[in-house]
Amino acid sequence: MKMLMFTMMMLLTLMFILTFILNLTSKKSIIDREKSSPFECGFDPKNCSRLPFSLQFFLIAIIFLIFDIEIALLLPLITIMKISNPAVMMTTSLIFVLILLLGLFHEWKQGALNWSY
């Protein structure tokens, strides 16, 4: 058992040293520095991270999240309708959709859906 542990440790050490040596001699780490940098929403990671971004982008993202959650909340209502009282479930889902539509019209009236540059 001890011999097996020693052999495994030696094998792991050898593999670690081999990958370290190959990484040092590799030209990829020097040439592909731009490729290996993170890319998030079109921001350049090498510039200042405190640059302001569009408020319109933020508002559209929030509206998308609201309606995405709406779909996640409405889909289970279909399976629950078979079990519960259909009149109560229909009333609940209609009130839910009505509140979301009122919110959408409010956002539309405030101009959050107008994409202007």
PDB file of N, CA and C in Angstrom:
ATOM      1  N   MET A   1       0.817  -1.194   0.000  1.00  0.00           N
ATOM      2  CA  MET A   1       0.000   0.000   0.000  1.00  0.00           C
ATOM      3  C   MET A   1       0.865   1.265   0.000  1.00  0.00           C
ATOM      4  N   LYS A   2       1.924   1.228   0.824  1.00  0.00           N
ATOM      5  CA  LYS A   2       2.819   2.382   0.888  1.00  0.00           C
ATOM      6  C   LYS A   2       3.577   2.555  -0.420  1.00  0.00           C
ATOM      7  N   MET A   3       3.915   1.440  -1.057  1.00  0.00           N
ATOM      8  CA  MET A   3       4.632   1.503  -2.319  1.00  0.00           C
ATOM      9  C   MET A   3       3.739   2.112  -3.412  1.00  0.00           C
ATOM     10  N   LEU A   4       2.462   1.769  -3.384  1.00  0.00           N
ATOM     11  CA  LEU A   4       1.518   2.314  -4.342  1.00  0.00           C
ATOM     12  C   LEU A   4       1.357   3.830  -4.140  1.00  0.00           C
ATOM     13  N   MET A   5       1.263   4.264  -2.893  1.00  0.00           N
ATOM     14  CA  MET A   5       1.152   5.690  -2.588  1.00  0.00           C
ATOM     15  C   MET A   5       2.414   6.435  -3.046  1.00  0.00           C
ATOM     16  N   PHE A   6       3.553   5.851  -2.795  1.00  0.00           N
ATOM     17  CA  PHE A   6       4.815   6.480  -3.201  1.00  0.00           C
ATOM     18  C   PHE A   6       4.900   6.580  -4.726  1.00  0.00           C
ATOM     19  N   THR A   7       4.494   5.532  -5.434  1.00  0.00           N
ATOM     20  CA  THR A   7       4.517   5.541  -6.893  1.00  0.00           C
ATOM     21  C   THR A   7       3.571   6.602  -7.445  1.00  0.00           C
ATOM     22  N   MET A   8       2.396   6.709  -6.863  1.00  0.00           N
ATOM     23  CA  MET A   8       1.430   7.710  -7.309  1.00  0.00           C
ATOM     24  C   MET A   8       1.945   9.125  -7.057  1.00  0.00           C
ATOM     25  N   MET A   9       2.559   9.342  -5.920  1.00  0.00           N
ATOM     26  CA  MET A   9       3.108  10.670  -5.611  1.00  0.00           C
ATOM     27  C   MET A   9       4.239  11.029  -6.567  1.00  0.00           C
ATOM     28  N   MET A  10       5.064  10.077  -6.881  1.00  0.00           N
ATOM     29  CA  MET A  10       6.164  10.329  -7.816  1.00  0.00           C
ATOM     30  C   MET A  10       5.617  10.619  -9.219  1.00  0.00           C
ATOM     31  N   LEU A  11       4.596   9.880  -9.626  1.00  0.00           N
ATOM     32  CA  LEU A  11       3.987  10.096 -10.929  1.00  0.00           C
ATOM     33  C   LEU A  11       3.333  11.481 -11.008  1.00  0.00           C
ATOM     34  N   LEU A  12       2.633  11.877  -9.971  1.00  0.00           N
ATOM     35  CA  LEU A  12       2.015  13.196  -9.937  1.00  0.00           C
ATOM     36  C   LEU A  12       3.059  14.311  -9.937  1.00  0.00           C
ATOM     37  N   THR A  13       4.124  14.117  -9.206  1.00  0.00           N
ATOM     38  CA  THR A  13       5.199  15.118  -9.181  1.00  0.00           C
ATOM     39  C   THR A  13       5.850  15.237 -10.550  1.00  0.00           C
ATOM     40  N   LEU A  14       6.087  14.125 -11.195  1.00  0.00           N
ATOM     41  CA  LEU A  14       6.673  14.132 -12.522  1.00  0.00           C
ATOM     42  C   LEU A  14       5.765  14.838 -13.530  1.00  0.00           C
ATOM     43  N   MET A  15       4.461  14.579 -13.459  1.00  0.00           N
ATOM     44  CA  MET A  15       3.521  15.233 -14.366  1.00  0.00           C
ATOM     45  C   MET A  15       3.458  16.732 -14.091  1.00  0.00           C
ATOM     46  N   PHE A  16       3.511  17.139 -12.846  1.00  0.00           N
ATOM     47  CA  PHE A  16       3.491  18.547 -12.493  1.00  0.00           C
ATOM     48  C   PHE A  16       4.719  19.264 -13.032  1.00  0.00           C
ATOM     49  N   ILE A  17       5.876  18.667 -12.855  1.00  0.00           N
ATOM     50  CA  ILE A  17       7.122  19.271 -13.349  1.00  0.00           C
ATOM     51  C   ILE A  17       7.112  19.342 -14.872  1.00  0.00           C
ATOM     52  N   LEU A  18       6.608  18.320 -15.522  1.00  0.00           N
ATOM     53  CA  LEU A  18       6.557  18.290 -16.976  1.00  0.00           C
ATOM     54  C   LEU A  18       5.627  19.385 -17.524  1.00  0.00           C
ATOM     55  N   THR A  19       4.456  19.562 -16.943  1.00  0.00           N
ATOM     56  CA  THR A  19       3.557  20.622 -17.408  1.00  0.00           C
ATOM     57  C   THR A  19       4.126  22.001 -17.118  1.00  0.00           C
ATOM     58  N   PHE A  20       4.819  22.158 -16.017  1.00  0.00           N
ATOM     59  CA  PHE A  20       5.444  23.447 -15.693  1.00  0.00           C
ATOM     60  C   PHE A  20       6.521  23.796 -16.719  1.00  0.00           C
ATOM     61  N   ILE A  21       7.329  22.825 -17.074  1.00  0.00           N
ATOM     62  CA  ILE A  21       8.395  23.060 -18.059  1.00  0.00           C
ATOM     63  C   ILE A  21       7.794  23.353 -19.439  1.00  0.00           C
ATOM     64  N   LEU A  22       6.752  22.624 -19.810  1.00  0.00           N
ATOM     65  CA  LEU A  22       6.122  22.860 -21.109  1.00  0.00           C
ATOM     66  C   LEU A  22       5.454  24.236 -21.171  1.00  0.00           C
ATOM     67  N   ASN A  23       4.896  24.696 -20.083  1.00  0.00           N
ATOM     68  CA  ASN A  23       4.288  26.027 -20.054  1.00  0.00           C
ATOM     69  C   ASN A  23       5.331  27.133 -20.151  1.00  0.00           C
ATOM     70  N   LEU A  24       6.488  26.908 -19.577  1.00  0.00           N
ATOM     71  CA  LEU A  24       7.539  27.926 -19.664  1.00  0.00           C
ATOM     72  C   LEU A  24       8.075  28.059 -21.080  1.00  0.00           C
ATOM     73  N   THR A  25       8.185  26.932 -21.789  1.00  0.00           N
ATOM     74  CA  THR A  25       8.750  26.979 -23.132  1.00  0.00           C
ATOM     75  C   THR A  25       7.702  27.265 -24.199  1.00  0.00           C
ATOM     76  N   SER A  26       6.448  27.322 -23.821  1.00  0.00           N
ATOM     77  CA  SER A  26       5.383  27.550 -24.792  1.00  0.00           C
ATOM     78  C   SER A  26       5.316  29.018 -25.192  1.00  0.00           C
ATOM     79  N   LYS A  27       5.127  29.266 -26.491  1.00  0.00           N
ATOM     80  CA  LYS A  27       4.992  30.635 -26.975  1.00  0.00           C
ATOM     81  C   LYS A  27       3.542  31.117 -26.864  1.00  0.00           C
ATOM     82  N   LYS A  28       2.648  30.211 -26.578  1.00  0.00           N
ATOM     83  CA  LYS A  28       1.234  30.556 -26.495  1.00  0.00           C
ATOM     84  C   LYS A  28       0.961  31.563 -25.384  1.00  0.00           C
ATOM     85  N   SER A  29       1.646  31.451 -24.270  1.00  0.00           N
ATOM     86  CA  SER A  29       1.399  32.363 -23.160  1.00  0.00           C
ATOM     87  C   SER A  29       1.816  33.788 -23.485  1.00  0.00           C
ATOM     88  N   ILE A  30       2.725  33.959 -24.401  1.00  0.00           N
ATOM     89  CA  ILE A  30       3.174  35.300 -24.779  1.00  0.00           C
ATOM     90  C   ILE A  30       2.316  35.856 -25.916  1.00  0.00           C
ATOM     91  N   ILE A  31       2.052  35.055 -26.929  1.00  0.00           N
ATOM     92  CA  ILE A  31       1.363  35.525 -28.121  1.00  0.00           C
ATOM     93  C   ILE A  31      -0.138  35.705 -27.883  1.00  0.00           C
ATOM     94  N   ASP A  32      -0.788  34.770 -27.238  1.00  0.00           N
ATOM     95  CA  ASP A  32      -2.234  34.775 -27.091  1.00  0.00           C
ATOM     96  C   ASP A  32      -2.714  35.436 -25.804  1.00  0.00           C
ATOM     97  N   ARG A  33      -2.056  36.471 -25.382  1.00  0.00           N
ATOM     98  CA  ARG A  33      -2.473  37.160 -24.165  1.00  0.00           C
ATOM     99  C   ARG A  33      -3.848  37.807 -24.348  1.00  0.00           C
ATOM    100  N   GLU A  34      -4.108  38.326 -25.529  1.00  0.00           N
ATOM    101  CA  GLU A  34      -5.398  38.957 -25.811  1.00  0.00           C
ATOM    102  C   GLU A  34      -6.522  37.926 -25.859  1.00  0.00           C
ATOM    103  N   LYS A  35      -6.221  36.755 -26.411  1.00  0.00           N
ATOM    104  CA  LYS A  35      -7.244  35.720 -26.490  1.00  0.00           C
ATOM    105  C   LYS A  35      -7.608  35.159 -25.129  1.00  0.00           C
ATOM    106  N   SER A  36      -6.690  35.083 -24.240  1.00  0.00           N
ATOM    107  CA  SER A  36      -6.961  34.484 -22.937  1.00  0.00           C
ATOM    108  C   SER A  36      -7.561  35.478 -21.942  1.00  0.00           C
ATOM    109  N   SER A  37      -7.701  36.730 -22.332  1.00  0.00           N
ATOM    110  CA  SER A  37      -8.300  37.706 -21.422  1.00  0.00           C
ATOM    111  C   SER A  37      -9.817  37.549 -21.418  1.00  0.00           C
ATOM    112  N   PRO A  38     -10.479  37.855 -20.321  1.00  0.00           N
ATOM    113  CA  PRO A  38     -11.937  37.693 -20.246  1.00  0.00           C
ATOM    114  C   PRO A  38     -12.653  38.717 -21.119  1.00  0.00           C
ATOM    115  N   PHE A  39     -13.817  38.337 -21.602  1.00  0.00           N
ATOM    116  CA  PHE A  39     -14.631  39.223 -22.431  1.00  0.00           C
ATOM    117  C   PHE A  39     -16.025  39.259 -21.841  1.00  0.00           C
ATOM    118  N   GLU A  40     -16.455  40.418 -21.396  1.00  0.00           N
ATOM    119  CA  GLU A  40     -17.773  40.543 -20.778  1.00  0.00           C
ATOM    120  C   GLU A  40     -18.505  41.733 -21.370  1.00  0.00           C
ATOM    121  N   CYS A  41     -19.569  41.463 -22.077  1.00  0.00           N
ATOM    122  CA  CYS A  41     -20.491  42.487 -22.586  1.00  0.00           C
ATOM    123  C   CYS A  41     -19.799  43.573 -23.398  1.00  0.00           C
ATOM    124  N   GLY A  42     -18.755  43.248 -24.093  1.00  0.00           N
ATOM    125  CA  GLY A  42     -18.118  44.217 -24.951  1.00  0.00           C
ATOM    126  C   GLY A  42     -17.184  45.175 -24.256  1.00  0.00           C
ATOM    127  N   PHE A  43     -16.937  45.014 -22.964  1.00  0.00           N
ATOM    128  CA  PHE A  43     -16.020  45.897 -22.255  1.00  0.00           C
ATOM    129  C   PHE A  43     -14.601  45.385 -22.404  1.00  0.00           C
ATOM    130  N   ASP A  44     -13.684  46.294 -22.598  1.00  0.00           N
ATOM    131  CA  ASP A  44     -12.281  45.924 -22.705  1.00  0.00           C
ATOM    132  C   ASP A  44     -11.724  45.735 -21.296  1.00  0.00           C
ATOM    133  N   PRO A  45     -11.250  44.548 -20.940  1.00  0.00           N
ATOM    134  CA  PRO A  45     -10.784  44.309 -19.578  1.00  0.00           C
ATOM    135  C   PRO A  45      -9.473  45.014 -19.245  1.00  0.00           C
ATOM    136  N   LYS A  46      -8.764  45.515 -20.257  1.00  0.00           N
ATOM    137  CA  LYS A  46      -7.482  46.166 -19.985  1.00  0.00           C
ATOM    138  C   LYS A  46      -7.628  47.669 -19.727  1.00  0.00           C
ATOM    139  N   ASN A  47      -8.804  48.221 -20.008  1.00  0.00           N
ATOM    140  CA  ASN A  47      -9.050  49.641 -19.735  1.00  0.00           C
ATOM    141  C   ASN A  47      -9.640  49.822 -18.345  1.00  0.00           C
ATOM    142  N   CYS A  48      -9.939  51.044 -17.998  1.00  0.00           N
ATOM    143  CA  CYS A  48     -10.516  51.359 -16.694  1.00  0.00           C
ATOM    144  C   CYS A  48     -11.871  50.671 -16.543  1.00  0.00           C
ATOM    145  N   SER A  49     -12.087  50.047 -15.412  1.00  0.00           N
ATOM    146  CA  SER A  49     -13.337  49.322 -15.193  1.00  0.00           C
ATOM    147  C   SER A  49     -14.454  50.219 -14.686  1.00  0.00           C
ATOM    148  N   ARG A  50     -14.200  51.470 -14.460  1.00  0.00           N
ATOM    149  CA  ARG A  50     -15.212  52.386 -13.946  1.00  0.00           C
ATOM    150  C   ARG A  50     -15.844  53.249 -15.031  1.00  0.00           C
ATOM    151  N   LEU A  51     -15.802  52.795 -16.273  1.00  0.00           N
ATOM    152  CA  LEU A  51     -16.428  53.537 -17.349  1.00  0.00           C
ATOM    153  C   LEU A  51     -17.948  53.384 -17.248  1.00  0.00           C
ATOM    154  N   PRO A  52     -18.702  54.455 -17.447  1.00  0.00           N
ATOM    155  CA  PRO A  52     -20.158  54.329 -17.387  1.00  0.00           C
ATOM    156  C   PRO A  52     -20.683  53.591 -18.613  1.00  0.00           C
ATOM    157  N   PHE A  53     -21.755  52.826 -18.411  1.00  0.00           N
ATOM    158  CA  PHE A  53     -22.380  52.171 -19.552  1.00  0.00           C
ATOM    159  C   PHE A  53     -23.809  52.658 -19.676  1.00  0.00           C
ATOM    160  N   SER A  54     -24.430  52.344 -20.768  1.00  0.00           N
ATOM    161  CA  SER A  54     -25.728  52.896 -21.122  1.00  0.00           C
ATOM    162  C   SER A  54     -26.805  52.510 -20.112  1.00  0.00           C
ATOM    163  N   LEU A  55     -27.567  53.493 -19.698  1.00  0.00           N
ATOM    164  CA  LEU A  55     -28.701  53.242 -18.806  1.00  0.00           C
ATOM    165  C   LEU A  55     -29.790  52.488 -19.555  1.00  0.00           C
ATOM    166  N   GLN A  56     -29.901  52.719 -20.856  1.00  0.00           N
ATOM    167  CA  GLN A  56     -30.888  51.999 -21.654  1.00  0.00           C
ATOM    168  C   GLN A  56     -30.590  50.495 -21.646  1.00  0.00           C
ATOM    169  N   PHE A  57     -29.311  50.142 -21.741  1.00  0.00           N
ATOM    170  CA  PHE A  57     -28.929  48.730 -21.683  1.00  0.00           C
ATOM    171  C   PHE A  57     -29.348  48.119 -20.351  1.00  0.00           C
ATOM    172  N   PHE A  58     -29.129  48.840 -19.278  1.00  0.00           N
ATOM    173  CA  PHE A  58     -29.502  48.361 -17.951  1.00  0.00           C
ATOM    174  C   PHE A  58     -31.018  48.184 -17.841  1.00  0.00           C
ATOM    175  N   LEU A  59     -31.796  49.146 -18.335  1.00  0.00           N
ATOM    176  CA  LEU A  59     -33.256  49.062 -18.252  1.00  0.00           C
ATOM    177  C   LEU A  59     -33.804  47.901 -19.080  1.00  0.00           C
ATOM    178  N   ILE A  60     -33.262  47.706 -20.260  1.00  0.00           N
ATOM    179  CA  ILE A  60     -33.708  46.583 -21.093  1.00  0.00           C
ATOM    180  C   ILE A  60     -33.361  45.255 -20.415  1.00  0.00           C
ATOM    181  N   ALA A  61     -32.221  45.186 -19.778  1.00  0.00           N
ATOM    182  CA  ALA A  61     -31.842  43.948 -19.069  1.00  0.00           C
ATOM    183  C   ALA A  61     -32.781  43.676 -17.900  1.00  0.00           C
ATOM    184  N   ILE A  62     -33.154  44.721 -17.169  1.00  0.00           N
ATOM    185  CA  ILE A  62     -34.083  44.540 -16.047  1.00  0.00           C
ATOM    186  C   ILE A  62     -35.455  44.112 -16.547  1.00  0.00           C
ATOM    187  N   ILE A  63     -35.930  44.727 -17.627  1.00  0.00           N
ATOM    188  CA  ILE A  63     -37.230  44.343 -18.187  1.00  0.00           C
ATOM    189  C   ILE A  63     -37.193  42.899 -18.679  1.00  0.00           C
ATOM    190  N   PHE A  64     -36.087  42.509 -19.296  1.00  0.00           N
ATOM    191  CA  PHE A  64     -35.955  41.121 -19.728  1.00  0.00           C
ATOM    192  C   PHE A  64     -36.028  40.173 -18.538  1.00  0.00           C
ATOM    193  N   LEU A  65     -35.347  40.509 -17.453  1.00  0.00           N
ATOM    194  CA  LEU A  65     -35.385  39.644 -16.268  1.00  0.00           C
ATOM    195  C   LEU A  65     -36.785  39.539 -15.683  1.00  0.00           C
ATOM    196  N   ILE A  66     -37.510  40.645 -15.675  1.00  0.00           N
ATOM    197  CA  ILE A  66     -38.875  40.617 -15.135  1.00  0.00           C
ATOM    198  C   ILE A  66     -39.749  39.678 -15.954  1.00  0.00           C
ATOM    199  N   PHE A  67     -39.687  39.782 -17.279  1.00  0.00           N
ATOM    200  CA  PHE A  67     -40.532  38.934 -18.109  1.00  0.00           C
ATOM    201  C   PHE A  67     -40.022  37.503 -18.173  1.00  0.00           C
ATOM    202  N   ASP A  68     -38.760  37.290 -17.942  1.00  0.00           N
ATOM    203  CA  ASP A  68     -38.236  35.937 -17.854  1.00  0.00           C
ATOM    204  C   ASP A  68     -38.757  35.253 -16.592  1.00  0.00           C
ATOM    205  N   ILE A  69     -38.792  35.975 -15.496  1.00  0.00           N
ATOM    206  CA  ILE A  69     -39.342  35.433 -14.249  1.00  0.00           C
ATOM    207  C   ILE A  69     -40.836  35.204 -14.390  1.00  0.00           C
ATOM    208  N   GLU A  70     -41.513  36.073 -15.135  1.00  0.00           N
ATOM    209  CA  GLU A  70     -42.944  35.908 -15.375  1.00  0.00           C
ATOM    210  C   GLU A  70     -43.221  34.571 -16.040  1.00  0.00           C
ATOM    211  N   ILE A  71     -42.431  34.210 -17.026  1.00  0.00           N
ATOM    212  CA  ILE A  71     -42.633  32.933 -17.709  1.00  0.00           C
ATOM    213  C   ILE A  71     -42.391  31.772 -16.745  1.00  0.00           C
ATOM    214  N   ALA A  72     -41.395  31.901 -15.912  1.00  0.00           N
ATOM    215  CA  ALA A  72     -41.098  30.837 -14.946  1.00  0.00           C
ATOM    216  C   ALA A  72     -42.218  30.694 -13.912  1.00  0.00           C
ATOM    217  N   LEU A  73     -42.929  31.776 -13.638  1.00  0.00           N
ATOM    218  CA  LEU A  73     -44.039  31.691 -12.691  1.00  0.00           C
ATOM    219  C   LEU A  73     -45.340  31.249 -13.350  1.00  0.00           C
ATOM    220  N   LEU A  74     -45.514  31.502 -14.631  1.00  0.00           N
ATOM    221  CA  LEU A  74     -46.751  31.118 -15.315  1.00  0.00           C
ATOM    222  C   LEU A  74     -46.769  29.659 -15.769  1.00  0.00           C
ATOM    223  N   LEU A  75     -45.636  29.091 -16.087  1.00  0.00           N
ATOM    224  CA  LEU A  75     -45.616  27.719 -16.579  1.00  0.00           C
ATOM    225  C   LEU A  75     -46.153  26.693 -15.574  1.00  0.00           C
ATOM    226  N   PRO A  76     -45.855  26.784 -14.284  1.00  0.00           N
ATOM    227  CA  PRO A  76     -46.425  25.811 -13.354  1.00  0.00           C
ATOM    228  C   PRO A  76     -47.935  25.929 -13.191  1.00  0.00           C
ATOM    229  N   LEU A  77     -48.519  27.071 -13.551  1.00  0.00           N
ATOM    230  CA  LEU A  77     -49.967  27.224 -13.432  1.00  0.00           C
ATOM    231  C   LEU A  77     -50.711  26.249 -14.335  1.00  0.00           C
ATOM    232  N   ILE A  78     -50.113  25.858 -15.431  1.00  0.00           N
ATOM    233  CA  ILE A  78     -50.754  24.932 -16.358  1.00  0.00           C
ATOM    234  C   ILE A  78     -50.957  23.567 -15.706  1.00  0.00           C
ATOM    235  N   THR A  79     -49.949  23.084 -15.011  1.00  0.00           N
ATOM    236  CA  THR A  79     -50.081  21.776 -14.359  1.00  0.00           C
ATOM    237  C   THR A  79     -50.949  21.847 -13.103  1.00  0.00           C
ATOM    238  N   ILE A  80     -50.970  22.982 -12.438  1.00  0.00           N
ATOM    239  CA  ILE A  80     -51.772  23.125 -11.218  1.00  0.00           C
ATOM    240  C   ILE A  80     -53.257  23.250 -11.548  1.00  0.00           C
ATOM    241  N   MET A  81     -53.591  23.719 -12.749  1.00  0.00           N
ATOM    242  CA  MET A  81     -55.001  23.887 -13.126  1.00  0.00           C
ATOM    243  C   MET A  81     -55.774  22.586 -13.088  1.00  0.00           C
ATOM    244  N   LYS A  82     -55.125  21.473 -13.356  1.00  0.00           N
ATOM    245  CA  LYS A  82     -55.798  20.180 -13.322  1.00  0.00           C
ATOM    246  C   LYS A  82     -56.200  19.788 -11.899  1.00  0.00           C
ATOM    247  N   ILE A  83     -55.423  20.230 -10.930  1.00  0.00           N
ATOM    248  CA  ILE A  83     -55.638  19.817  -9.545  1.00  0.00           C
ATOM    249  C   ILE A  83     -56.593  20.760  -8.817  1.00  0.00           C
ATOM    250  N   SER A  84     -56.435  22.052  -9.002  1.00  0.00           N
ATOM    251  CA  SER A  84     -57.190  23.023  -8.210  1.00  0.00           C
ATOM    252  C   SER A  84     -58.437  23.504  -8.943  1.00  0.00           C
ATOM    253  N   ASN A  85     -59.131  24.420  -8.294  1.00  0.00           N
ATOM    254  CA  ASN A  85     -60.351  25.003  -8.829  1.00  0.00           C
ATOM    255  C   ASN A  85     -60.004  25.860 -10.054  1.00  0.00           C
ATOM    256  N   PRO A  86     -60.577  25.570 -11.214  1.00  0.00           N
ATOM    257  CA  PRO A  86     -60.213  26.312 -12.432  1.00  0.00           C
ATOM    258  C   PRO A  86     -60.581  27.800 -12.365  1.00  0.00           C
ATOM    259  N   ALA A  87     -61.679  28.132 -11.706  1.00  0.00           N
ATOM    260  CA  ALA A  87     -62.087  29.535 -11.644  1.00  0.00           C
ATOM    261  C   ALA A  87     -61.083  30.354 -10.830  1.00  0.00           C
ATOM    262  N   VAL A  88     -60.643  29.812  -9.712  1.00  0.00           N
ATOM    263  CA  VAL A  88     -59.675  30.518  -8.864  1.00  0.00           C
ATOM    264  C   VAL A  88     -58.333  30.643  -9.582  1.00  0.00           C
ATOM    265  N   MET A  89     -57.919  29.565 -10.242  1.00  0.00           N
ATOM    266  CA  MET A  89     -56.636  29.589 -10.933  1.00  0.00           C
ATOM    267  C   MET A  89     -56.678  30.551 -12.117  1.00  0.00           C
ATOM    268  N   MET A  90     -57.790  30.593 -12.841  1.00  0.00           N
ATOM    269  CA  MET A  90     -57.918  31.520 -13.967  1.00  0.00           C
ATOM    270  C   MET A  90     -57.898  32.961 -13.474  1.00  0.00           C
ATOM    271  N   THR A  91     -58.589  33.229 -12.384  1.00  0.00           N
ATOM    272  CA  THR A  91     -58.593  34.577 -11.823  1.00  0.00           C
ATOM    273  C   THR A  91     -57.200  34.984 -11.370  1.00  0.00           C
ATOM    274  N   THR A  92     -56.498  34.084 -10.712  1.00  0.00           N
ATOM    275  CA  THR A  92     -55.148  34.371 -10.233  1.00  0.00           C
ATOM    276  C   THR A  92     -54.202  34.651 -11.407  1.00  0.00           C
ATOM    277  N   SER A  93     -54.268  33.817 -12.429  1.00  0.00           N
ATOM    278  CA  SER A  93     -53.362  34.021 -13.567  1.00  0.00           C
ATOM    279  C   SER A  93     -53.728  35.280 -14.342  1.00  0.00           C
ATOM    280  N   LEU A  94     -55.008  35.610 -14.468  1.00  0.00           N
ATOM    281  CA  LEU A  94     -55.392  36.835 -15.166  1.00  0.00           C
ATOM    282  C   LEU A  94     -54.951  38.075 -14.399  1.00  0.00           C
ATOM    283  N   ILE A  95     -55.052  38.055 -13.085  1.00  0.00           N
ATOM    284  CA  ILE A  95     -54.582  39.188 -12.275  1.00  0.00           C
ATOM    285  C   ILE A  95     -53.065  39.332 -12.420  1.00  0.00           C
ATOM    286  N   PHE A  96     -52.367  38.217 -12.417  1.00  0.00           N
ATOM    287  CA  PHE A  96     -50.915  38.236 -12.565  1.00  0.00           C
ATOM    288  C   PHE A  96     -50.505  38.835 -13.909  1.00  0.00           C
ATOM    289  N   VAL A  97     -51.140  38.389 -14.988  1.00  0.00           N
ATOM    290  CA  VAL A  97     -50.827  38.902 -16.324  1.00  0.00           C
ATOM    291  C   VAL A  97     -51.232  40.366 -16.437  1.00  0.00           C
ATOM    292  N   LEU A  98     -52.349  40.747 -15.838  1.00  0.00           N
ATOM    293  CA  LEU A  98     -52.788  42.140 -15.874  1.00  0.00           C
ATOM    294  C   LEU A  98     -51.781  43.060 -15.182  1.00  0.00           C
ATOM    295  N   ILE A  99     -51.265  42.641 -14.031  1.00  0.00           N
ATOM    296  CA  ILE A  99     -50.244  43.435 -13.333  1.00  0.00           C
ATOM    297  C   ILE A  99     -49.000  43.584 -14.203  1.00  0.00           C
ATOM    298  N   LEU A 100     -48.585  42.496 -14.863  1.00  0.00           N
ATOM    299  CA  LEU A 100     -47.418  42.579 -15.746  1.00  0.00           C
ATOM    300  C   LEU A 100     -47.671  43.477 -16.947  1.00  0.00           C
ATOM    301  N   LEU A 101     -48.863  43.417 -17.519  1.00  0.00           N
ATOM    302  CA  LEU A 101     -49.179  44.297 -18.648  1.00  0.00           C
ATOM    303  C   LEU A 101     -49.220  45.757 -18.226  1.00  0.00           C
ATOM    304  N   LEU A 102     -49.757  46.036 -17.047  1.00  0.00           N
ATOM    305  CA  LEU A 102     -49.748  47.411 -16.547  1.00  0.00           C
ATOM    306  C   LEU A 102     -48.320  47.902 -16.344  1.00  0.00           C
ATOM    307  N   GLY A 103     -47.454  47.034 -15.848  1.00  0.00           N
ATOM    308  CA  GLY A 103     -46.042  47.397 -15.699  1.00  0.00           C
ATOM    309  C   GLY A 103     -45.373  47.651 -17.039  1.00  0.00           C
ATOM    310  N   LEU A 104     -45.717  46.823 -18.039  1.00  0.00           N
ATOM    311  CA  LEU A 104     -45.158  47.016 -19.377  1.00  0.00           C
ATOM    312  C   LEU A 104     -45.620  48.343 -19.976  1.00  0.00           C
ATOM    313  N   PHE A 105     -46.900  48.656 -19.838  1.00  0.00           N
ATOM    314  CA  PHE A 105     -47.397  49.928 -20.363  1.00  0.00           C
ATOM    315  C   PHE A 105     -46.787  51.114 -19.633  1.00  0.00           C
ATOM    316  N   HIS A 106     -46.549  50.965 -18.345  1.00  0.00           N
ATOM    317  CA  HIS A 106     -45.899  52.037 -17.589  1.00  0.00           C
ATOM    318  C   HIS A 106     -44.468  52.259 -18.087  1.00  0.00           C
ATOM    319  N   GLU A 107     -43.736  51.165 -18.303  1.00  0.00           N
ATOM    320  CA  GLU A 107     -42.374  51.277 -18.836  1.00  0.00           C
ATOM    321  C   GLU A 107     -42.387  51.909 -20.233  1.00  0.00           C
ATOM    322  N   TRP A 108     -43.375  51.530 -21.030  1.00  0.00           N
ATOM    323  CA  TRP A 108     -43.495  52.079 -22.369  1.00  0.00           C
ATOM    324  C   TRP A 108     -43.772  53.576 -22.326  1.00  0.00           C
ATOM    325  N   LYS A 109     -44.658  53.971 -21.396  1.00  0.00           N
ATOM    326  CA  LYS A 109     -45.003  55.387 -21.254  1.00  0.00           C
ATOM    327  C   LYS A 109     -43.808  56.203 -20.737  1.00  0.00           C
ATOM    328  N   GLN A 110     -42.996  55.624 -19.880  1.00  0.00           N
ATOM    329  CA  GLN A 110     -41.830  56.322 -19.347  1.00  0.00           C
ATOM    330  C   GLN A 110     -40.682  56.394 -20.359  1.00  0.00           C
ATOM    331  N   GLY A 111     -40.773  55.620 -21.417  1.00  0.00           N
ATOM    332  CA  GLY A 111     -39.748  55.663 -22.458  1.00  0.00           C
ATOM    333  C   GLY A 111     -38.608  54.691 -22.244  1.00  0.00           C
ATOM    334  N   ALA A 112     -38.777  53.721 -21.367  1.00  0.00           N
ATOM    335  CA  ALA A 112     -37.695  52.770 -21.111  1.00  0.00           C
ATOM    336  C   ALA A 112     -37.503  51.803 -22.273  1.00  0.00           C
ATOM    337  N   LEU A 113     -38.518  51.628 -23.100  1.00  0.00           N
ATOM    338  CA  LEU A 113     -38.415  50.699 -24.218  1.00  0.00           C
ATOM    339  C   LEU A 113     -37.907  51.369 -25.492  1.00  0.00           C
ATOM    340  N   ASN A 114     -37.784  52.669 -25.482  1.00  0.00           N
ATOM    341  CA  ASN A 114     -37.256  53.390 -26.645  1.00  0.00           C
ATOM    342  C   ASN A 114     -35.735  53.318 -26.632  1.00  0.00           C
ATOM    343  N   TRP A 115     -35.184  52.691 -27.630  1.00  0.00           N
ATOM    344  CA  TRP A 115     -33.733  52.541 -27.700  1.00  0.00           C
ATOM    345  C   TRP A 115     -33.170  53.715 -28.492  1.00  0.00           C
ATOM    346  N   SER A 116     -32.598  54.657 -27.801  1.00  0.00           N
ATOM    347  CA  SER A 116     -32.024  55.831 -28.465  1.00  0.00           C
ATOM    348  C   SER A 116     -30.527  55.885 -28.169  1.00  0.00           C
ATOM    349  N   TYR A 117     -29.764  56.374 -29.119  1.00  0.00           N
ATOM    350  CA  TYR A 117     -28.311  56.422 -28.956  1.00  0.00           C
ATOM    351  C   TYR A 117     -27.868  57.702 -28.359  1.00  0.00           C
TER     352      TYR A 117
END
